[in-house]
Amino acid sequence: ENDCKLAALAERWQGAARDADDIVYLLAGMRLG
């Protein structure tokens, strides 16, 4: 699976968005996604 999509899953599971069902995860680094 794509890394940005997996990071979004992780934030909903154990991270900053555990209380949300509608989430946009922004990968911000030397590459954006």
Full PDB file with SEQRES, HELIX, SHEET, SSBOND, CRYST1, ORIGX, SCALE, CONECT and MASTER records, all heavy atoms in Angstrom:
SEQRES   1 A   33  GLU ASN ASP CYS LYS LEU ALA ALA LEU ALA GLU ARG TRP          
SEQRES   2 A   33  GLN GLY ALA ALA ARG ASP ALA ASP ASP ILE VAL TYR LEU          
SEQRES   3 A   33  LEU ALA GLY MET ARG LEU GLY                                  
HELIX    1 AA1 ASP A    3  GLN A   14  1                                  12    
CRYST1    1.000    1.000    1.000  90.00  90.00  90.00 P 1           1          
ORIGX1      1.000000  0.000000  0.000000        0.00000                         
ORIGX2      0.000000  1.000000  0.000000        0.00000                         
ORIGX3      0.000000  0.000000  1.000000        0.00000                         
SCALE1      1.000000  0.000000  0.000000        0.00000                         
SCALE2      0.000000  1.000000  0.000000        0.00000                         
SCALE3      0.000000  0.000000  1.000000        0.00000                         
ATOM      1  N   GLU A   1       0.844  -1.201   0.000  1.00  0.00           N  
ATOM      2  CA  GLU A   1       0.000   0.000   0.000  1.00  0.00           C  
ATOM      3  C   GLU A   1       0.878   1.249   0.000  1.00  0.00           C  
ATOM      4  O   GLU A   1       2.034   1.227   0.440  1.00  0.00           O  
ATOM      5  CB  GLU A   1      -0.925  -0.014   1.223  1.00  0.00           C  
ATOM      6  CG  GLU A   1      -1.951   1.096   1.273  1.00  0.00           C  
ATOM      7  CD  GLU A   1      -2.793   1.183   0.008  1.00  0.00           C  
ATOM      8  OE1 GLU A   1      -3.852   0.521  -0.053  1.00  0.00           O  
ATOM      9  OE2 GLU A   1      -2.377   1.927  -0.907  1.00  0.00           O  
ATOM     10  N   ASN A   2       0.319   2.328  -0.482  1.00  0.00           N  
ATOM     11  CA  ASN A   2       0.993   3.618  -0.520  1.00  0.00           C  
ATOM     12  C   ASN A   2       1.288   4.128   0.888  1.00  0.00           C  
ATOM     13  O   ASN A   2       0.474   3.987   1.801  1.00  0.00           O  
ATOM     14  CB  ASN A   2       0.108   4.609  -1.275  1.00  0.00           C  
ATOM     15  CG  ASN A   2       0.568   6.037  -1.131  1.00  0.00           C  
ATOM     16  OD1 ASN A   2       0.019   6.775  -0.314  1.00  0.00           O  
ATOM     17  ND2 ASN A   2       1.562   6.435  -1.895  1.00  0.00           N  
ATOM     18  N   ASP A   3       2.460   4.769   1.060  1.00  0.00           N  
ATOM     19  CA  ASP A   3       2.882   5.194   2.387  1.00  0.00           C  
ATOM     20  C   ASP A   3       1.980   6.271   2.990  1.00  0.00           C  
ATOM     21  O   ASP A   3       1.688   6.226   4.200  1.00  0.00           O  
ATOM     22  CB  ASP A   3       4.345   5.653   2.374  1.00  0.00           C  
ATOM     23  CG  ASP A   3       4.644   6.716   1.314  1.00  0.00           C  
ATOM     24  OD1 ASP A   3       3.716   7.124   0.588  1.00  0.00           O  
ATOM     25  OD2 ASP A   3       5.819   7.121   1.203  1.00  0.00           O  
ATOM     26  N   CYS A   4       1.510   7.228   2.179  1.00  0.00           N  
ATOM     27  CA  CYS A   4       0.626   8.273   2.725  1.00  0.00           C  
ATOM     28  C   CYS A   4      -0.682   7.681   3.239  1.00  0.00           C  
ATOM     29  O   CYS A   4      -1.199   8.092   4.289  1.00  0.00           O  
ATOM     30  CB  CYS A   4       0.329   9.322   1.665  1.00  0.00           C  
ATOM     31  SG  CYS A   4       1.747  10.306   1.157  1.00  0.00           S  
ATOM     32  N   LYS A   5      -1.204   6.727   2.509  1.00  0.00           N  
ATOM     33  CA  LYS A   5      -2.460   6.100   2.920  1.00  0.00           C  
ATOM     34  C   LYS A   5      -2.274   5.343   4.232  1.00  0.00           C  
ATOM     35  O   LYS A   5      -3.138   5.372   5.123  1.00  0.00           O  
ATOM     36  CB  LYS A   5      -2.970   5.188   1.814  1.00  0.00           C  
ATOM     37  CG  LYS A   5      -3.405   5.942   0.552  1.00  0.00           C  
ATOM     38  CD  LYS A   5      -3.853   4.991  -0.525  1.00  0.00           C  
ATOM     39  CE  LYS A   5      -4.412   5.741  -1.743  1.00  0.00           C  
ATOM     40  NZ  LYS A   5      -3.437   6.640  -2.382  1.00  0.00           N  
ATOM     41  N   LEU A   6      -1.155   4.651   4.366  1.00  0.00           N  
ATOM     42  CA  LEU A   6      -0.886   3.923   5.601  1.00  0.00           C  
ATOM     43  C   LEU A   6      -0.698   4.881   6.772  1.00  0.00           C  
ATOM     44  O   LEU A   6      -1.158   4.612   7.887  1.00  0.00           O  
ATOM     45  CB  LEU A   6       0.344   3.042   5.434  1.00  0.00           C  
ATOM     46  CG  LEU A   6       0.192   1.872   4.463  1.00  0.00           C  
ATOM     47  CD1 LEU A   6       1.511   1.116   4.326  1.00  0.00           C  
ATOM     48  CD2 LEU A   6      -0.906   0.916   4.915  1.00  0.00           C  
ATOM     49  N   ALA A   7      -0.025   5.996   6.535  1.00  0.00           N  
ATOM     50  CA  ALA A   7       0.156   6.975   7.610  1.00  0.00           C  
ATOM     51  C   ALA A   7      -1.184   7.528   8.070  1.00  0.00           C  
ATOM     52  O   ALA A   7      -1.397   7.753   9.267  1.00  0.00           O  
ATOM     53  CB  ALA A   7       1.074   8.099   7.133  1.00  0.00           C  
ATOM     54  N   ALA A   8      -2.105   7.735   7.129  1.00  0.00           N  
ATOM     55  CA  ALA A   8      -3.446   8.195   7.505  1.00  0.00           C  
ATOM     56  C   ALA A   8      -4.140   7.169   8.399  1.00  0.00           C  
ATOM     57  O   ALA A   8      -4.775   7.522   9.402  1.00  0.00           O  
ATOM     58  CB  ALA A   8      -4.271   8.459   6.247  1.00  0.00           C  
ATOM     59  N   LEU A   9      -4.024   5.889   8.038  1.00  0.00           N  
ATOM     60  CA  LEU A   9      -4.600   4.827   8.868  1.00  0.00           C  
ATOM     61  C   LEU A   9      -4.026   4.855  10.273  1.00  0.00           C  
ATOM     62  O   LEU A   9      -4.738   4.702  11.270  1.00  0.00           O  
ATOM     63  CB  LEU A   9      -4.315   3.457   8.242  1.00  0.00           C  
ATOM     64  CG  LEU A   9      -5.255   2.916   7.180  1.00  0.00           C  
ATOM     65  CD1 LEU A   9      -4.774   1.545   6.741  1.00  0.00           C  
ATOM     66  CD2 LEU A   9      -6.683   2.835   7.698  1.00  0.00           C  
ATOM     67  N   ALA A  10      -2.709   5.038  10.360  1.00  0.00           N  
ATOM     68  CA  ALA A  10      -2.048   5.037  11.665  1.00  0.00           C  
ATOM     69  C   ALA A  10      -2.523   6.188  12.530  1.00  0.00           C  
ATOM     70  O   ALA A  10      -2.737   6.027  13.742  1.00  0.00           O  
ATOM     71  CB  ALA A  10      -0.532   5.110  11.475  1.00  0.00           C  
ATOM     72  N   GLU A  11      -2.701   7.372  11.931  1.00  0.00           N  
ATOM     73  CA  GLU A  11      -3.144   8.525  12.716  1.00  0.00           C  
ATOM     74  C   GLU A  11      -4.557   8.305  13.257  1.00  0.00           C  
ATOM     75  O   GLU A  11      -4.883   8.744  14.361  1.00  0.00           O  
ATOM     76  CB  GLU A  11      -3.094   9.791  11.865  1.00  0.00           C  
ATOM     77  CG  GLU A  11      -1.691  10.236  11.473  1.00  0.00           C  
ATOM     78  CD  GLU A  11      -0.824  10.651  12.648  1.00  0.00           C  
ATOM     79  OE1 GLU A  11      -1.371  10.921  13.741  1.00  0.00           O  
ATOM     80  OE2 GLU A  11       0.409  10.718  12.478  1.00  0.00           O  
ATOM     81  N   ARG A  12      -5.394   7.629  12.502  1.00  0.00           N  
ATOM     82  CA  ARG A  12      -6.741   7.351  13.000  1.00  0.00           C  
ATOM     83  C   ARG A  12      -6.730   6.249  14.054  1.00  0.00           C  
ATOM     84  O   ARG A  12      -7.563   6.220  14.968  1.00  0.00           O  
ATOM     85  CB  ARG A  12      -7.659   6.946  11.849  1.00  0.00           C  
ATOM     86  CG  ARG A  12      -9.109   6.743  12.284  1.00  0.00           C  
ATOM     87  CD  ARG A  12     -10.023   6.575  11.088  1.00  0.00           C  
ATOM     88  NE  ARG A  12     -11.418   6.547  11.503  1.00  0.00           N  
ATOM     89  CZ  ARG A  12     -12.116   5.433  11.703  1.00  0.00           C  
ATOM     90  NH1 ARG A  12     -11.568   4.246  11.501  1.00  0.00           N  
ATOM     91  NH2 ARG A  12     -13.386   5.491  12.079  1.00  0.00           N  
ATOM     92  N   TRP A  13      -5.781   5.322  13.949  1.00  0.00           N  
ATOM     93  CA  TRP A  13      -5.706   4.194  14.866  1.00  0.00           C  
ATOM     94  C   TRP A  13      -5.065   4.584  16.198  1.00  0.00           C  
ATOM     95  O   TRP A  13      -5.641   4.349  17.263  1.00  0.00           O  
ATOM     96  CB  TRP A  13      -4.896   3.074  14.201  1.00  0.00           C  
ATOM     97  CG  TRP A  13      -4.704   1.832  15.018  1.00  0.00           C  
ATOM     98  CD1 TRP A  13      -5.566   1.281  15.918  1.00  0.00           C  
ATOM     99  CD2 TRP A  13      -3.543   0.989  15.014  1.00  0.00           C  
ATOM    100  NE1 TRP A  13      -5.021   0.138  16.476  1.00  0.00           N  
ATOM    101  CE2 TRP A  13      -3.796  -0.061  15.927  1.00  0.00           C  
ATOM    102  CE3 TRP A  13      -2.344   1.011  14.300  1.00  0.00           C  
ATOM    103  CZ2 TRP A  13      -2.849  -1.080  16.159  1.00  0.00           C  
ATOM    104  CZ3 TRP A  13      -1.422  -0.003  14.523  1.00  0.00           C  
ATOM    105  CH2 TRP A  13      -1.677  -1.038  15.457  1.00  0.00           C  
ATOM    106  N   GLN A  14      -3.908   5.215  16.132  1.00  0.00           N  
ATOM    107  CA  GLN A  14      -3.156   5.494  17.353  1.00  0.00           C  
ATOM    108  C   GLN A  14      -2.662   6.929  17.460  1.00  0.00           C  
ATOM    109  O   GLN A  14      -1.981   7.267  18.421  1.00  0.00           O  
ATOM    110  CB  GLN A  14      -1.928   4.562  17.438  1.00  0.00           C  
ATOM    111  CG  GLN A  14      -2.257   3.107  17.621  1.00  0.00           C  
ATOM    112  CD  GLN A  14      -1.018   2.266  17.887  1.00  0.00           C  
ATOM    113  OE1 GLN A  14       0.109   2.765  17.904  1.00  0.00           O  
ATOM    114  NE2 GLN A  14      -1.205   0.981  18.102  1.00  0.00           N  
ATOM    115  N   GLY A  15      -2.989   7.764  16.494  1.00  0.00           N  
ATOM    116  CA  GLY A  15      -2.370   9.074  16.444  1.00  0.00           C  
ATOM    117  C   GLY A  15      -3.299  10.243  16.717  1.00  0.00           C  
ATOM    118  O   GLY A  15      -4.161  10.192  17.599  1.00  0.00           O  
ATOM    119  N   ALA A  16      -3.154  11.288  15.907  1.00  0.00           N  
ATOM    120  CA  ALA A  16      -3.805  12.560  16.183  1.00  0.00           C  
ATOM    121  C   ALA A  16      -5.262  12.610  15.760  1.00  0.00           C  
ATOM    122  O   ALA A  16      -5.957  13.570  16.091  1.00  0.00           O  
ATOM    123  CB  ALA A  16      -3.037  13.678  15.466  1.00  0.00           C  
ATOM    124  N   ALA A  17      -5.753  11.602  15.049  1.00  0.00           N  
ATOM    125  CA  ALA A  17      -7.119  11.663  14.516  1.00  0.00           C  
ATOM    126  C   ALA A  17      -7.977  10.492  14.980  1.00  0.00           C  
ATOM    127  O   ALA A  17      -8.861  10.031  14.253  1.00  0.00           O  
ATOM    128  CB  ALA A  17      -7.070  11.712  12.990  1.00  0.00           C  
ATOM    129  N   ARG A  18      -7.762  10.026  16.195  1.00  0.00           N  
ATOM    130  CA  ARG A  18      -8.518   8.874  16.696  1.00  0.00           C  
ATOM    131  C   ARG A  18     -10.003   9.152  16.870  1.00  0.00           C  
ATOM    132  O   ARG A  18     -10.803   8.226  16.941  1.00  0.00           O  
ATOM    133  CB  ARG A  18      -7.911   8.399  18.020  1.00  0.00           C  
ATOM    134  CG  ARG A  18      -6.639   7.584  17.840  1.00  0.00           C  
ATOM    135  CD  ARG A  18      -6.040   7.169  19.157  1.00  0.00           C  
ATOM    136  NE  ARG A  18      -5.316   8.263  19.772  1.00  0.00           N  
ATOM    137  CZ  ARG A  18      -4.559   8.138  20.858  1.00  0.00           C  
ATOM    138  NH1 ARG A  18      -4.474   6.956  21.458  1.00  0.00           N  
ATOM    139  NH2 ARG A  18      -3.910   9.170  21.351  1.00  0.00           N  
ATOM    140  N   ASP A  19     -10.371  10.414  16.945  1.00  0.00           N  
ATOM    141  CA  ASP A  19     -11.780  10.769  17.148  1.00  0.00           C  
ATOM    142  C   ASP A  19     -12.480  11.150  15.851  1.00  0.00           C  
ATOM    143  O   ASP A  19     -13.617  11.636  15.880  1.00  0.00           O  
ATOM    144  CB  ASP A  19     -11.878  11.936  18.127  1.00  0.00           C  
ATOM    145  CG  ASP A  19     -11.161  13.181  17.621  1.00  0.00           C  
ATOM    146  OD1 ASP A  19     -10.241  13.045  16.776  1.00  0.00           O  
ATOM    147  OD2 ASP A  19     -11.499  14.294  18.067  1.00  0.00           O  
ATOM    148  N   ALA A  20     -11.838  10.942  14.701  1.00  0.00           N  
ATOM    149  CA  ALA A  20     -12.386  11.438  13.440  1.00  0.00           C  
ATOM    150  C   ALA A  20     -12.605  10.308  12.446  1.00  0.00           C  
ATOM    151  O   ALA A  20     -11.868   9.318  12.427  1.00  0.00           O  
ATOM    152  CB  ALA A  20     -11.448  12.484  12.836  1.00  0.00           C  
ATOM    153  N   ASP A  21     -13.625  10.475  11.593  1.00  0.00           N  
ATOM    154  CA  ASP A  21     -13.901   9.531  10.516  1.00  0.00           C  
ATOM    155  C   ASP A  21     -13.592  10.115   9.141  1.00  0.00           C  
ATOM    156  O   ASP A  21     -13.517   9.378   8.155  1.00  0.00           O  
ATOM    157  CB  ASP A  21     -15.374   9.096  10.542  1.00  0.00           C  
ATOM    158  CG  ASP A  21     -15.682   8.155  11.693  1.00  0.00           C  
ATOM    159  OD1 ASP A  21     -14.750   7.462  12.161  1.00  0.00           O  
ATOM    160  OD2 ASP A  21     -16.838   8.123  12.141  1.00  0.00           O  
ATOM    161  N   ASP A  22     -13.437  11.439   9.080  1.00  0.00           N  
ATOM    162  CA  ASP A  22     -13.157  12.111   7.807  1.00  0.00           C  
ATOM    163  C   ASP A  22     -11.850  12.883   7.966  1.00  0.00           C  
ATOM    164  O   ASP A  22     -11.807  13.926   8.640  1.00  0.00           O  
ATOM    165  CB  ASP A  22     -14.305  13.045   7.436  1.00  0.00           C  
ATOM    166  CG  ASP A  22     -15.599  12.280   7.195  1.00  0.00           C  
ATOM    167  OD1 ASP A  22     -15.769  11.760   6.082  1.00  0.00           O  
ATOM    168  OD2 ASP A  22     -16.412  12.171   8.137  1.00  0.00           O  
ATOM    169  N   ILE A  23     -10.805  12.376   7.322  1.00  0.00           N  
ATOM    170  CA  ILE A  23      -9.446  12.848   7.593  1.00  0.00           C  
ATOM    171  C   ILE A  23      -8.695  13.056   6.288  1.00  0.00           C  
ATOM    172  O   ILE A  23      -8.759  12.227   5.377  1.00  0.00           O  
ATOM    173  CB  ILE A  23      -8.674  11.807   8.439  1.00  0.00           C  
ATOM    174  CG1 ILE A  23      -9.422  11.486   9.738  1.00  0.00           C  
ATOM    175  CG2 ILE A  23      -7.253  12.270   8.734  1.00  0.00           C  
ATOM    176  CD1 ILE A  23      -9.033  10.148  10.330  1.00  0.00           C  
ATOM    177  N   VAL A  24      -7.992  14.164   6.211  1.00  0.00           N  
ATOM    178  CA  VAL A  24      -6.974  14.355   5.179  1.00  0.00           C  
ATOM    179  C   VAL A  24      -5.619  14.343   5.876  1.00  0.00           C  
ATOM    180  O   VAL A  24      -5.386  15.141   6.788  1.00  0.00           O  
ATOM    181  CB  VAL A  24      -7.172  15.673   4.411  1.00  0.00           C  
ATOM    182  CG1 VAL A  24      -5.930  15.984   3.562  1.00  0.00           C  
ATOM    183  CG2 VAL A  24      -8.395  15.590   3.512  1.00  0.00           C  
ATOM    184  N   TYR A  25      -4.766  13.426   5.474  1.00  0.00           N  
ATOM    185  CA  TYR A  25      -3.410  13.357   6.019  1.00  0.00           C  
ATOM    186  C   TYR A  25      -2.465  13.981   5.003  1.00  0.00           C  
ATOM    187  O   TYR A  25      -2.444  13.590   3.828  1.00  0.00           O  
ATOM    188  CB  TYR A  25      -3.016  11.904   6.276  1.00  0.00           C  
ATOM    189  CG  TYR A  25      -1.557  11.743   6.663  1.00  0.00           C  
ATOM    190  CD1 TYR A  25      -1.162  11.842   7.992  1.00  0.00           C  
ATOM    191  CD2 TYR A  25      -0.580  11.496   5.699  1.00  0.00           C  
ATOM    192  CE1 TYR A  25       0.176  11.701   8.354  1.00  0.00           C  
ATOM    193  CE2 TYR A  25       0.750  11.354   6.051  1.00  0.00           C  
ATOM    194  CZ  TYR A  25       1.122  11.464   7.375  1.00  0.00           C  
ATOM    195  OH  TYR A  25       2.445  11.330   7.718  1.00  0.00           O  
ATOM    196  N   LEU A  26      -1.686  14.974   5.428  1.00  0.00           N  
ATOM    197  CA  LEU A  26      -0.712  15.624   4.563  1.00  0.00           C  
ATOM    198  C   LEU A  26       0.684  15.146   4.923  1.00  0.00           C  
ATOM    199  O   LEU A  26       1.145  15.356   6.056  1.00  0.00           O  
ATOM    200  CB  LEU A  26      -0.788  17.148   4.726  1.00  0.00           C  
ATOM    201  CG  LEU A  26      -2.111  17.832   4.377  1.00  0.00           C  
ATOM    202  CD1 LEU A  26      -2.010  19.330   4.659  1.00  0.00           C  
ATOM    203  CD2 LEU A  26      -2.488  17.581   2.925  1.00  0.00           C  
ATOM    204  N   LEU A  27       1.329  14.487   3.991  1.00  0.00           N  
ATOM    205  CA  LEU A  27       2.729  14.125   4.169  1.00  0.00           C  
ATOM    206  C   LEU A  27       3.556  15.331   3.756  1.00  0.00           C  
ATOM    207  O   LEU A  27       3.579  15.719   2.584  1.00  0.00           O  
ATOM    208  CB  LEU A  27       3.099  12.927   3.301  1.00  0.00           C  
ATOM    209  CG  LEU A  27       4.578  12.535   3.338  1.00  0.00           C  
ATOM    210  CD1 LEU A  27       4.900  11.834   4.649  1.00  0.00           C  
ATOM    211  CD2 LEU A  27       4.933  11.641   2.166  1.00  0.00           C  
ATOM    212  N   ALA A  28       4.211  15.967   4.725  1.00  0.00           N  
ATOM    213  CA  ALA A  28       4.996  17.165   4.466  1.00  0.00           C  
ATOM    214  C   ALA A  28       6.464  16.878   4.740  1.00  0.00           C  
ATOM    215  O   ALA A  28       6.868  16.674   5.879  1.00  0.00           O  
ATOM    216  CB  ALA A  28       4.504  18.326   5.333  1.00  0.00           C  
ATOM    217  N   GLY A  29       7.222  16.847   3.676  1.00  0.00           N  
ATOM    218  CA  GLY A  29       8.657  16.625   3.777  1.00  0.00           C  
ATOM    219  C   GLY A  29       9.294  17.078   2.479  1.00  0.00           C  
ATOM    220  O   GLY A  29       8.759  17.952   1.787  1.00  0.00           O  
ATOM    221  N   MET A  30      10.420  16.507   2.124  1.00  0.00           N  
ATOM    222  CA  MET A  30      11.009  16.833   0.829  1.00  0.00           C  
ATOM    223  C   MET A  30      10.160  16.297  -0.310  1.00  0.00           C  
ATOM    224  O   MET A  30      10.428  16.572  -1.479  1.00  0.00           O  
ATOM    225  CB  MET A  30      12.437  16.293   0.754  1.00  0.00           C  
ATOM    226  CG  MET A  30      13.364  16.886   1.804  1.00  0.00           C  
ATOM    227  SD  MET A  30      13.271  18.697   1.935  1.00  0.00           S  
ATOM    228  CE  MET A  30      13.910  19.181   0.338  1.00  0.00           C  
ATOM    229  N   ARG A  31       9.154  15.541   0.017  1.00  0.00           N  
ATOM    230  CA  ARG A  31       8.121  15.112  -0.924  1.00  0.00           C  
ATOM    231  C   ARG A  31       6.776  15.344  -0.250  1.00  0.00           C  
ATOM    232  O   ARG A  31       6.631  15.112   0.954  1.00  0.00           O  
ATOM    233  CB  ARG A  31       8.298  13.621  -1.258  1.00  0.00           C  
ATOM    234  CG  ARG A  31       7.209  13.020  -2.125  1.00  0.00           C  
ATOM    235  CD  ARG A  31       7.513  11.547  -2.390  1.00  0.00           C  
ATOM    236  NE  ARG A  31       7.486  10.766  -1.168  1.00  0.00           N  
ATOM    237  CZ  ARG A  31       6.395  10.186  -0.670  1.00  0.00           C  
ATOM    238  NH1 ARG A  31       5.248  10.336  -1.295  1.00  0.00           N  
ATOM    239  NH2 ARG A  31       6.454   9.474   0.429  1.00  0.00           N  
ATOM    240  N   LEU A  32       5.805  15.836  -1.008  1.00  0.00           N  
ATOM    241  CA  LEU A  32       4.473  16.082  -0.459  1.00  0.00           C  
ATOM    242  C   LEU A  32       3.489  15.054  -1.006  1.00  0.00           C  
ATOM    243  O   LEU A  32       3.570  14.644  -2.159  1.00  0.00           O  
ATOM    244  CB  LEU A  32       3.982  17.488  -0.829  1.00  0.00           C  
ATOM    245  CG  LEU A  32       4.866  18.661  -0.400  1.00  0.00           C  
ATOM    246  CD1 LEU A  32       4.188  19.981  -0.739  1.00  0.00           C  
ATOM    247  CD2 LEU A  32       5.175  18.601   1.086  1.00  0.00           C  
ATOM    248  N   GLY A  33       2.573  14.638  -0.165  1.00  0.00           N  
ATOM    249  CA  GLY A  33       1.559  13.676  -0.573  1.00  0.00           C  
ATOM    250  C   GLY A  33       0.388  13.735   0.376  1.00  0.00           C  
ATOM    251  O   GLY A  33       0.390  14.491   1.357  1.00  0.00           O  
TER     252      GLY A  33                                                      
MASTER        0    0    0    1    0    0    0    6  251    1    0    3          
END                                                                             
